[in-house]
């Protein structure tokens, strides 16, 4: 595999500060070295953090991103920095989960994408938010996201 696919990356292998906001964050893409082959990519972020837009208190989620790439892959360090940019971002759970998915779809243009946002309780009620671009390609194995419904200590 040619290292040419890594040309132009500004964050990988370098010191990169966390972006101050999701809008400021840069998602970098690399060419898919297996374009033409359908396969699933999964990213799991079990410690996602954002802020409640009303109280300013931190909110926590376990995010699971599944996608079937087309011509581009999202570079993982840039994805990590993008997700980290939400740490001081005030937005409701639905806005964070769907906004992340929509930005990835807009910039990466995958064949298929699914995002599960499994949020820890706020006010005693956990909120799960799901986004999907349509049906997954039939030739791709799409496993369950593996995050059980929140049950607390019971």
C-alpha atoms as a PDB file:
ATOM      1  CA  UNK A   1       0.000   0.000   0.000  1.00  0.00           C
ATOM      2  CA  UNK A   2       1.316   3.378  -0.954  1.00  0.00           C
ATOM      3  CA  UNK A   3       1.932   5.983   1.738  1.00  0.00           C
ATOM      4  CA  UNK A   4       0.617   8.552  -0.739  1.00  0.00           C
ATOM      5  CA  UNK A   5      -2.821   8.150   0.837  1.00  0.00           C
ATOM      6  CA  UNK A   6      -1.455   9.948   3.920  1.00  0.00           C
ATOM      7  CA  UNK A   7      -0.288  13.029   2.015  1.00  0.00           C
ATOM      8  CA  UNK A   8      -1.940  16.235   3.100  1.00  0.00           C
ATOM      9  CA  UNK A   9      -2.902  15.085   6.592  1.00  0.00           C
ATOM     10  CA  UNK A  10      -2.287  17.896   9.065  1.00  0.00           C
ATOM     11  CA  UNK A  11      -3.025  16.089  12.345  1.00  0.00           C
ATOM     12  CA  UNK A  12      -1.759  12.498  12.116  1.00  0.00           C
ATOM     13  CA  UNK A  13       1.733  12.074  13.530  1.00  0.00           C
ATOM     14  CA  UNK A  14       1.845  15.664  14.746  1.00  0.00           C
ATOM     15  CA  UNK A  15       0.891  17.560  17.860  1.00  0.00           C
ATOM     16  CA  UNK A  16      -2.639  18.801  17.368  1.00  0.00           C
ATOM     17  CA  UNK A  17      -4.512  20.848  19.943  1.00  0.00           C
ATOM     18  CA  UNK A  18      -8.116  20.016  20.698  1.00  0.00           C
ATOM     19  CA  UNK A  19     -10.429  22.253  18.655  1.00  0.00           C
ATOM     20  CA  UNK A  20     -12.388  24.806  20.674  1.00  0.00           C
ATOM     21  CA  UNK A  21     -15.682  23.883  18.967  1.00  0.00           C
ATOM     22  CA  UNK A  22     -17.129  21.279  16.590  1.00  0.00           C
ATOM     23  CA  UNK A  23     -17.354  23.948  13.881  1.00  0.00           C
ATOM     24  CA  UNK A  24     -13.607  24.620  14.218  1.00  0.00           C
ATOM     25  CA  UNK A  25     -12.695  20.915  14.151  1.00  0.00           C
ATOM     26  CA  UNK A  26     -11.222  19.545  10.924  1.00  0.00           C
ATOM     27  CA  UNK A  27     -12.229  16.062   9.795  1.00  0.00           C
ATOM     28  CA  UNK A  28      -9.502  14.651   7.587  1.00  0.00           C
ATOM     29  CA  UNK A  29     -10.125  11.955   5.007  1.00  0.00           C
ATOM     30  CA  UNK A  30      -7.879   9.443   3.292  1.00  0.00           C
ATOM     31  CA  UNK A  31      -8.599   7.490   0.126  1.00  0.00           C
ATOM     32  CA  UNK A  32     -10.170   4.095   0.790  1.00  0.00           C
ATOM     33  CA  UNK A  33      -7.483   1.541  -0.137  1.00  0.00           C
ATOM     34  CA  UNK A  34     -10.233  -1.082  -0.604  1.00  0.00           C
ATOM     35  CA  UNK A  35     -12.693   1.044  -2.585  1.00  0.00           C
ATOM     36  CA  UNK A  36     -14.995  -1.272  -4.487  1.00  0.00           C
ATOM     37  CA  UNK A  37     -15.186  -3.745  -1.593  1.00  0.00           C
ATOM     38  CA  UNK A  38     -18.028  -3.351   0.872  1.00  0.00           C
ATOM     39  CA  UNK A  39     -16.962  -3.704   4.505  1.00  0.00           C
ATOM     40  CA  UNK A  40     -17.962  -2.218   7.847  1.00  0.00           C
ATOM     41  CA  UNK A  41     -15.853   0.156   9.933  1.00  0.00           C
ATOM     42  CA  UNK A  42     -16.740   0.698  13.600  1.00  0.00           C
ATOM     43  CA  UNK A  43     -15.548   3.432  15.942  1.00  0.00           C
ATOM     44  CA  UNK A  44     -16.529   3.311  19.606  1.00  0.00           C
ATOM     45  CA  UNK A  45     -16.242   6.297  21.911  1.00  0.00           C
ATOM     46  CA  UNK A  46     -17.278   5.145  25.410  1.00  0.00           C
ATOM     47  CA  UNK A  47     -16.368   8.446  27.095  1.00  0.00           C
ATOM     48  CA  UNK A  48     -17.981  11.140  24.932  1.00  0.00           C
ATOM     49  CA  UNK A  49     -18.674  14.397  26.790  1.00  0.00           C
ATOM     50  CA  UNK A  50     -20.673  17.515  26.000  1.00  0.00           C
ATOM     51  CA  UNK A  51     -22.500  20.132  28.060  1.00  0.00           C
ATOM     52  CA  UNK A  52     -26.173  20.550  28.840  1.00  0.00           C
ATOM     53  CA  UNK A  53     -27.279  23.721  27.032  1.00  0.00           C
ATOM     54  CA  UNK A  54     -29.549  24.696  29.938  1.00  0.00           C
ATOM     55  CA  UNK A  55     -27.534  23.912  33.090  1.00  0.00           C
ATOM     56  CA  UNK A  56     -23.982  23.811  31.718  1.00  0.00           C
ATOM     57  CA  UNK A  57     -23.449  20.505  33.528  1.00  0.00           C
ATOM     58  CA  UNK A  58     -21.508  17.759  31.717  1.00  0.00           C
ATOM     59  CA  UNK A  59     -23.360  15.050  29.818  1.00  0.00           C
ATOM     60  CA  UNK A  60     -21.784  11.693  29.043  1.00  0.00           C
ATOM     61  CA  UNK A  61     -22.449   9.179  26.294  1.00  0.00           C
ATOM     62  CA  UNK A  62     -21.184   5.990  24.748  1.00  0.00           C
ATOM     63  CA  UNK A  63     -21.125   6.581  20.979  1.00  0.00           C
ATOM     64  CA  UNK A  64     -20.922   3.817  18.384  1.00  0.00           C
ATOM     65  CA  UNK A  65     -20.319   4.772  14.754  1.00  0.00           C
ATOM     66  CA  UNK A  66     -20.673   2.161  12.013  1.00  0.00           C
ATOM     67  CA  UNK A  67     -20.118   2.962   8.363  1.00  0.00           C
ATOM     68  CA  UNK A  68     -19.533   1.334   4.997  1.00  0.00           C
ATOM     69  CA  UNK A  69     -16.970   3.495   3.211  1.00  0.00           C
ATOM     70  CA  UNK A  70     -17.099   4.485  -0.418  1.00  0.00           C
ATOM     71  CA  UNK A  71     -14.122   6.434  -1.760  1.00  0.00           C
ATOM     72  CA  UNK A  72     -12.976   7.955   1.562  1.00  0.00           C
ATOM     73  CA  UNK A  73     -12.187   6.882   5.114  1.00  0.00           C
ATOM     74  CA  UNK A  74     -12.262   9.268   8.050  1.00  0.00           C
ATOM     75  CA  UNK A  75      -8.803   9.527   9.613  1.00  0.00           C
ATOM     76  CA  UNK A  76      -9.142   8.330  13.219  1.00  0.00           C
ATOM     77  CA  UNK A  77      -7.080  11.023  14.973  1.00  0.00           C
ATOM     78  CA  UNK A  78      -9.102  13.767  13.313  1.00  0.00           C
ATOM     79  CA  UNK A  79     -12.299  11.955  14.365  1.00  0.00           C
ATOM     80  CA  UNK A  80     -11.015  11.762  17.931  1.00  0.00           C
ATOM     81  CA  UNK A  81     -10.231  15.488  17.956  1.00  0.00           C
ATOM     82  CA  UNK A  82     -13.620  16.269  16.420  1.00  0.00           C
ATOM     83  CA  UNK A  83     -15.392  14.294  19.142  1.00  0.00           C
ATOM     84  CA  UNK A  84     -13.224  15.923  21.802  1.00  0.00           C
ATOM     85  CA  UNK A  85     -14.319  19.352  20.522  1.00  0.00           C
ATOM     86  CA  UNK A  86     -17.762  18.690  22.031  1.00  0.00           C
ATOM     87  CA  UNK A  87     -16.332  18.687  25.567  1.00  0.00           C
ATOM     88  CA  UNK A  88     -17.201  22.391  26.019  1.00  0.00           C
ATOM     89  CA  UNK A  89     -20.043  22.454  23.487  1.00  0.00           C
ATOM     90  CA  UNK A  90     -23.549  23.009  24.828  1.00  0.00           C
ATOM     91  CA  UNK A  91     -26.189  21.008  22.951  1.00  0.00           C
ATOM     92  CA  UNK A  92     -28.933  18.503  23.603  1.00  0.00           C
ATOM     93  CA  UNK A  93     -28.206  14.783  23.152  1.00  0.00           C
ATOM     94  CA  UNK A  94     -30.173  14.604  19.921  1.00  0.00           C
ATOM     95  CA  UNK A  95     -28.305  17.556  18.410  1.00  0.00           C
ATOM     96  CA  UNK A  96     -24.883  16.123  19.279  1.00  0.00           C
ATOM     97  CA  UNK A  97     -25.610  12.593  18.036  1.00  0.00           C
ATOM     98  CA  UNK A  98     -27.346  13.538  14.793  1.00  0.00           C
ATOM     99  CA  UNK A  99     -25.012  16.484  14.142  1.00  0.00           C
ATOM    100  CA  UNK A 100     -21.925  14.266  14.349  1.00  0.00           C
ATOM    101  CA  UNK A 101     -23.487  11.739  11.982  1.00  0.00           C
ATOM    102  CA  UNK A 102     -24.649  14.364   9.488  1.00  0.00           C
ATOM    103  CA  UNK A 103     -21.233  16.032   9.369  1.00  0.00           C
ATOM    104  CA  UNK A 104     -19.538  12.689   8.726  1.00  0.00           C
ATOM    105  CA  UNK A 105     -22.030  11.885   5.954  1.00  0.00           C
ATOM    106  CA  UNK A 106     -21.538  15.307   4.360  1.00  0.00           C
ATOM    107  CA  UNK A 107     -17.735  15.137   4.380  1.00  0.00           C
ATOM    108  CA  UNK A 108     -17.008  11.427   3.975  1.00  0.00           C
ATOM    109  CA  UNK A 109     -19.940  10.448   1.731  1.00  0.00           C
ATOM    110  CA  UNK A 110     -20.065   6.816   2.902  1.00  0.00           C
ATOM    111  CA  UNK A 111     -22.236   4.180   1.251  1.00  0.00           C
ATOM    112  CA  UNK A 112     -23.999   3.774   4.605  1.00  0.00           C
ATOM    113  CA  UNK A 113     -23.652   5.161   8.118  1.00  0.00           C
ATOM    114  CA  UNK A 114     -25.275   4.415  11.471  1.00  0.00           C
ATOM    115  CA  UNK A 115     -24.685   6.293  14.726  1.00  0.00           C
ATOM    116  CA  UNK A 116     -25.870   5.164  18.145  1.00  0.00           C
ATOM    117  CA  UNK A 117     -25.687   7.655  20.998  1.00  0.00           C
ATOM    118  CA  UNK A 118     -26.236   5.917  24.328  1.00  0.00           C
ATOM    119  CA  UNK A 119     -26.495   8.761  26.844  1.00  0.00           C
ATOM    120  CA  UNK A 120     -26.183   8.325  30.578  1.00  0.00           C
ATOM    121  CA  UNK A 121     -29.115   9.529  32.696  1.00  0.00           C
ATOM    122  CA  UNK A 122     -29.924  13.209  33.025  1.00  0.00           C
ATOM    123  CA  UNK A 123     -32.657  13.877  35.560  1.00  0.00           C
ATOM    124  CA  UNK A 124     -33.011  10.128  36.052  1.00  0.00           C
ATOM    125  CA  UNK A 125     -33.811   9.375  32.390  1.00  0.00           C
ATOM    126  CA  UNK A 126     -31.246   7.921  29.991  1.00  0.00           C
ATOM    127  CA  UNK A 127     -31.670   9.000  26.383  1.00  0.00           C
ATOM    128  CA  UNK A 128     -30.613   6.882  23.410  1.00  0.00           C
ATOM    129  CA  UNK A 129     -30.408   8.576  20.002  1.00  0.00           C
ATOM    130  CA  UNK A 130     -30.031   6.721  16.702  1.00  0.00           C
ATOM    131  CA  UNK A 131     -29.308   7.932  13.169  1.00  0.00           C
ATOM    132  CA  UNK A 132     -29.002   5.896   9.980  1.00  0.00           C
ATOM    133  CA  UNK A 133     -28.706   6.861   6.322  1.00  0.00           C
ATOM    134  CA  UNK A 134     -30.843   4.007   4.966  1.00  0.00           C
ATOM    135  CA  UNK A 135     -30.443   0.274   4.513  1.00  0.00           C
ATOM    136  CA  UNK A 136     -26.973  -1.207   4.876  1.00  0.00           C
ATOM    137  CA  UNK A 137     -25.593  -2.992   1.808  1.00  0.00           C
ATOM    138  CA  UNK A 138     -26.838  -6.594   1.869  1.00  0.00           C
ATOM    139  CA  UNK A 139     -23.324  -8.003   1.469  1.00  0.00           C
ATOM    140  CA  UNK A 140     -22.044  -6.387   4.696  1.00  0.00           C
ATOM    141  CA  UNK A 141     -22.279  -7.977   8.121  1.00  0.00           C
ATOM    142  CA  UNK A 142     -23.590  -5.354  10.533  1.00  0.00           C
ATOM    143  CA  UNK A 143     -23.296  -6.590  14.121  1.00  0.00           C
ATOM    144  CA  UNK A 144     -25.386  -5.305  16.986  1.00  0.00           C
ATOM    145  CA  UNK A 145     -23.806  -2.227  18.568  1.00  0.00           C
ATOM    146  CA  UNK A 146     -23.427  -4.160  21.805  1.00  0.00           C
ATOM    147  CA  UNK A 147     -24.546  -1.406  24.169  1.00  0.00           C
ATOM    148  CA  UNK A 148     -27.272  -2.654  26.521  1.00  0.00           C
ATOM    149  CA  UNK A 149     -30.177  -0.489  27.620  1.00  0.00           C
ATOM    150  CA  UNK A 150     -29.199   1.493  30.705  1.00  0.00           C
ATOM    151  CA  UNK A 151     -30.160  -0.390  33.840  1.00  0.00           C
ATOM    152  CA  UNK A 152     -28.360   1.549  36.571  1.00  0.00           C
ATOM    153  CA  UNK A 153     -27.371  -0.575  39.517  1.00  0.00           C
ATOM    154  CA  UNK A 154     -30.398  -2.878  39.241  1.00  0.00           C
END
